[in-house]
Amino acid sequence: MSFTVYVRMKKLGKQTAKDLAPVPFVLKQQPKTLRELLTQLTELLVNEYNQRKEQGQLLSFLTKEEIKEQAGRGKIAFGVHGGGDASVEEAVEHTMQCLEDGIYRVFAGEEELTEPEGEIHWSENPIFTFVRLTMLSGW
């Protein structure tokens, strides 16, 4: 069984959450806590990254539609730029450490999620917004 969540990523001062189109992510199951949500998203993205590397898609060409979509999110990128495979375990550790250090904040709808073990309320099927609070966090 899979479960789709919608996520927006925002940098302070760059754009408003209303301007960002939510991106769908298909997870293994519905996460119950913030830790489960972050773990599943991190695992998914690391696995996609490693798969692109294996397929030799280190440099992709962007269509006009992709450029427009990425511009709407605030960053235009060509994808992977070399290096070794990423470790899922290390990436999850970094994700949780960045949350603890305040590098980013997570909102479910209008509610901020601050506790990793805090329960996510799914009654309204929220759109998650990740807000990067420092310019050094890399996205």
C-alpha atoms as a PDB file:
ATOM      1  CA  MET A   1       0.000   0.000   0.000  1.00  0.00           C
ATOM      2  CA  SER A   2       1.317   3.460  -0.845  1.00  0.00           C
ATOM      3  CA  PHE A   3       0.379   6.904   0.384  1.00  0.00           C
ATOM      4  CA  THR A   4       0.795  10.262  -1.388  1.00  0.00           C
ATOM      5  CA  VAL A   5       1.772  13.426   0.481  1.00  0.00           C
ATOM      6  CA  TYR A   6       2.109  16.905  -1.000  1.00  0.00           C
ATOM      7  CA  VAL A   7       5.111  19.027  -0.056  1.00  0.00           C
ATOM      8  CA  ARG A   8       6.135  22.625  -0.707  1.00  0.00           C
ATOM      9  CA  MET A   9       9.670  23.845  -0.094  1.00  0.00           C
ATOM     10  CA  LYS A  10      10.279  27.487   0.707  1.00  0.00           C
ATOM     11  CA  LYS A  11      13.274  29.698   1.409  1.00  0.00           C
ATOM     12  CA  LEU A  12      12.740  32.742   3.580  1.00  0.00           C
ATOM     13  CA  GLY A  13      12.464  35.913   1.550  1.00  0.00           C
ATOM     14  CA  LYS A  14      12.256  34.115  -1.797  1.00  0.00           C
ATOM     15  CA  GLN A  15       8.552  33.409  -2.313  1.00  0.00           C
ATOM     16  CA  THR A  16       5.331  32.930  -0.419  1.00  0.00           C
ATOM     17  CA  ALA A  17       3.915  29.479   0.309  1.00  0.00           C
ATOM     18  CA  LYS A  18       0.888  30.373  -1.815  1.00  0.00           C
ATOM     19  CA  ASP A  19       3.167  30.804  -4.850  1.00  0.00           C
ATOM     20  CA  LEU A  20       4.660  27.314  -4.584  1.00  0.00           C
ATOM     21  CA  ALA A  21       2.956  24.370  -6.215  1.00  0.00           C
ATOM     22  CA  PRO A  22       2.838  21.307  -3.956  1.00  0.00           C
ATOM     23  CA  VAL A  23       4.935  18.391  -5.199  1.00  0.00           C
ATOM     24  CA  PRO A  24       3.484  14.885  -4.735  1.00  0.00           C
ATOM     25  CA  PHE A  25       5.612  12.204  -3.066  1.00  0.00           C
ATOM     26  CA  VAL A  26       4.469   8.579  -2.948  1.00  0.00           C
ATOM     27  CA  LEU A  27       5.483   7.017   0.365  1.00  0.00           C
ATOM     28  CA  LYS A  28       5.367   3.380   1.494  1.00  0.00           C
ATOM     29  CA  GLN A  29       2.674   4.107   4.078  1.00  0.00           C
ATOM     30  CA  GLN A  30       0.937   6.954   5.859  1.00  0.00           C
ATOM     31  CA  PRO A  31       3.401   8.381   8.409  1.00  0.00           C
ATOM     32  CA  LYS A  32       2.095   8.726  11.955  1.00  0.00           C
ATOM     33  CA  THR A  33       4.811  11.058  13.281  1.00  0.00           C
ATOM     34  CA  LEU A  34       7.047  13.820  11.966  1.00  0.00           C
ATOM     35  CA  ARG A  35      10.039  11.454  12.292  1.00  0.00           C
ATOM     36  CA  GLU A  36       8.291   8.856  10.092  1.00  0.00           C
ATOM     37  CA  LEU A  37       7.402  11.530   7.508  1.00  0.00           C
ATOM     38  CA  LEU A  38      10.961  12.885   7.361  1.00  0.00           C
ATOM     39  CA  THR A  39      12.471   9.391   7.286  1.00  0.00           C
ATOM     40  CA  GLN A  40      10.261   8.213   4.423  1.00  0.00           C
ATOM     41  CA  LEU A  41      10.798  11.412   2.395  1.00  0.00           C
ATOM     42  CA  THR A  42      14.566  11.224   2.932  1.00  0.00           C
ATOM     43  CA  GLU A  43      14.711   7.529   1.982  1.00  0.00           C
ATOM     44  CA  LEU A  44      12.666   8.183  -1.150  1.00  0.00           C
ATOM     45  CA  LEU A  45      14.827  11.092  -2.309  1.00  0.00           C
ATOM     46  CA  VAL A  46      18.132   9.345  -1.550  1.00  0.00           C
ATOM     47  CA  ASN A  47      17.006   6.249  -3.449  1.00  0.00           C
ATOM     48  CA  GLU A  48      15.927   8.405  -6.424  1.00  0.00           C
ATOM     49  CA  TYR A  49      19.301  10.179  -6.352  1.00  0.00           C
ATOM     50  CA  ASN A  50      21.225   6.898  -6.295  1.00  0.00           C
ATOM     51  CA  GLN A  51      19.062   5.445  -9.060  1.00  0.00           C
ATOM     52  CA  ARG A  52      19.678   8.466 -11.325  1.00  0.00           C
ATOM     53  CA  LYS A  53      23.419   8.002 -10.783  1.00  0.00           C
ATOM     54  CA  GLU A  54      23.208   4.312 -11.700  1.00  0.00           C
ATOM     55  CA  GLN A  55      21.277   5.158 -14.875  1.00  0.00           C
ATOM     56  CA  GLY A  56      23.942   7.646 -15.898  1.00  0.00           C
ATOM     57  CA  GLN A  57      21.631  10.640 -15.651  1.00  0.00           C
ATOM     58  CA  LEU A  58      24.266  12.908 -14.235  1.00  0.00           C
ATOM     59  CA  LEU A  59      23.432  15.750 -16.568  1.00  0.00           C
ATOM     60  CA  SER A  60      19.915  16.202 -17.776  1.00  0.00           C
ATOM     61  CA  PHE A  61      18.490  18.668 -20.235  1.00  0.00           C
ATOM     62  CA  LEU A  62      15.561  20.760 -19.132  1.00  0.00           C
ATOM     63  CA  THR A  63      12.448  21.394 -21.179  1.00  0.00           C
ATOM     64  CA  LYS A  64      10.764  24.798 -21.123  1.00  0.00           C
ATOM     65  CA  GLU A  65       8.050  23.315 -18.883  1.00  0.00           C
ATOM     66  CA  GLU A  66      10.630  21.974 -16.411  1.00  0.00           C
ATOM     67  CA  ILE A  67      12.420  25.327 -16.319  1.00  0.00           C
ATOM     68  CA  LYS A  68       9.133  27.134 -15.652  1.00  0.00           C
ATOM     69  CA  GLU A  69       8.160  24.631 -12.933  1.00  0.00           C
ATOM     70  CA  GLN A  70      11.549  24.826 -11.222  1.00  0.00           C
ATOM     71  CA  ALA A  71      11.572  28.619 -11.464  1.00  0.00           C
ATOM     72  CA  GLY A  72       8.235  28.605  -9.641  1.00  0.00           C
ATOM     73  CA  ARG A  73       9.919  26.691  -6.811  1.00  0.00           C
ATOM     74  CA  GLY A  74      12.764  29.224  -6.710  1.00  0.00           C
ATOM     75  CA  LYS A  75      15.663  27.181  -8.120  1.00  0.00           C
ATOM     76  CA  ILE A  76      16.554  25.766 -11.530  1.00  0.00           C
ATOM     77  CA  ALA A  77      18.912  22.779 -11.379  1.00  0.00           C
ATOM     78  CA  PHE A  78      20.174  20.109 -13.745  1.00  0.00           C
ATOM     79  CA  GLY A  79      20.179  17.292 -11.184  1.00  0.00           C
ATOM     80  CA  VAL A  80      23.053  15.152  -9.954  1.00  0.00           C
ATOM     81  CA  HIS A  81      26.633  16.448 -10.283  1.00  0.00           C
ATOM     82  CA  GLY A  82      28.889  13.436  -9.630  1.00  0.00           C
ATOM     83  CA  GLY A  83      30.072  11.911  -6.371  1.00  0.00           C
ATOM     84  CA  GLY A  84      29.381   8.564  -4.745  1.00  0.00           C
ATOM     85  CA  ASP A  85      26.117   6.961  -3.747  1.00  0.00           C
ATOM     86  CA  ALA A  86      24.381   8.573  -0.815  1.00  0.00           C
ATOM     87  CA  SER A  87      23.785   6.574   2.363  1.00  0.00           C
ATOM     88  CA  VAL A  88      20.124   6.433   3.411  1.00  0.00           C
ATOM     89  CA  GLU A  89      21.079   6.011   7.079  1.00  0.00           C
ATOM     90  CA  GLU A  90      23.423   9.009   7.066  1.00  0.00           C
ATOM     91  CA  ALA A  91      20.895  11.133   5.180  1.00  0.00           C
ATOM     92  CA  VAL A  92      18.172  10.351   7.727  1.00  0.00           C
ATOM     93  CA  GLU A  93      20.571  11.241  10.560  1.00  0.00           C
ATOM     94  CA  HIS A  94      21.386  14.553   8.841  1.00  0.00           C
ATOM     95  CA  THR A  95      17.699  15.268   8.226  1.00  0.00           C
ATOM     96  CA  MET A  96      16.859  14.792  11.892  1.00  0.00           C
ATOM     97  CA  GLN A  97      19.909  16.767  13.048  1.00  0.00           C
ATOM     98  CA  CYS A  98      18.958  19.670  10.776  1.00  0.00           C
ATOM     99  CA  LEU A  99      15.452  19.671  12.254  1.00  0.00           C
ATOM    100  CA  GLU A 100      16.896  19.694  15.768  1.00  0.00           C
ATOM    101  CA  ASP A 101      19.352  22.479  14.841  1.00  0.00           C
ATOM    102  CA  GLY A 102      16.598  24.663  13.380  1.00  0.00           C
ATOM    103  CA  ILE A 103      17.886  24.605   9.777  1.00  0.00           C
ATOM    104  CA  TYR A 104      14.300  24.141   8.589  1.00  0.00           C
ATOM    105  CA  ARG A 105      10.765  24.018   9.948  1.00  0.00           C
ATOM    106  CA  VAL A 106       7.881  21.817   8.893  1.00  0.00           C
ATOM    107  CA  PHE A 107       4.221  22.806   8.727  1.00  0.00           C
ATOM    108  CA  ALA A 108       1.187  20.585   8.143  1.00  0.00           C
ATOM    109  CA  GLY A 109      -1.266  23.080   6.723  1.00  0.00           C
ATOM    110  CA  GLU A 110      -1.063  25.976   9.190  1.00  0.00           C
ATOM    111  CA  GLU A 111       0.209  23.855  12.118  1.00  0.00           C
ATOM    112  CA  GLU A 112       3.952  23.776  12.811  1.00  0.00           C
ATOM    113  CA  LEU A 113       5.318  20.315  13.553  1.00  0.00           C
ATOM    114  CA  THR A 114       8.151  20.634  16.068  1.00  0.00           C
ATOM    115  CA  GLU A 115       8.359  17.297  17.887  1.00  0.00           C
ATOM    116  CA  PRO A 116       9.837  14.382  15.932  1.00  0.00           C
ATOM    117  CA  GLU A 117       7.593  11.934  17.795  1.00  0.00           C
ATOM    118  CA  GLY A 118       4.580  14.268  17.590  1.00  0.00           C
ATOM    119  CA  GLU A 119       1.533  12.807  15.878  1.00  0.00           C
ATOM    120  CA  ILE A 120       0.473  14.114  12.470  1.00  0.00           C
ATOM    121  CA  HIS A 121      -3.255  14.900  12.280  1.00  0.00           C
ATOM    122  CA  TRP A 122      -4.558  13.514   8.979  1.00  0.00           C
ATOM    123  CA  SER A 123      -8.199  14.561   9.289  1.00  0.00           C
ATOM    124  CA  GLU A 124      -7.756  17.269   6.655  1.00  0.00           C
ATOM    125  CA  ASN A 125      -4.992  15.703   4.492  1.00  0.00           C
ATOM    126  CA  PRO A 126      -2.628  18.693   4.885  1.00  0.00           C
ATOM    127  CA  ILE A 127      -0.064  20.032   2.452  1.00  0.00           C
ATOM    128  CA  PHE A 128       3.325  20.015   4.144  1.00  0.00           C
ATOM    129  CA  THR A 129       5.511  23.090   3.837  1.00  0.00           C
ATOM    130  CA  PHE A 130       9.240  22.948   4.558  1.00  0.00           C
ATOM    131  CA  VAL A 131      10.766  26.360   5.286  1.00  0.00           C
ATOM    132  CA  ARG A 132      14.544  26.653   5.118  1.00  0.00           C
ATOM    133  CA  LEU A 133      15.729  29.145   7.729  1.00  0.00           C
ATOM    134  CA  THR A 134      19.402  29.422   6.831  1.00  0.00           C
ATOM    135  CA  MET A 135      21.143  30.010   3.516  1.00  0.00           C
ATOM    136  CA  LEU A 136      23.730  27.269   4.226  1.00  0.00           C
ATOM    137  CA  SER A 137      21.363  24.281   4.220  1.00  0.00           C
ATOM    138  CA  GLY A 138      21.815  23.481   0.518  1.00  0.00           C
ATOM    139  CA  TRP A 139      18.429  23.609  -1.245  1.00  0.00           C
END
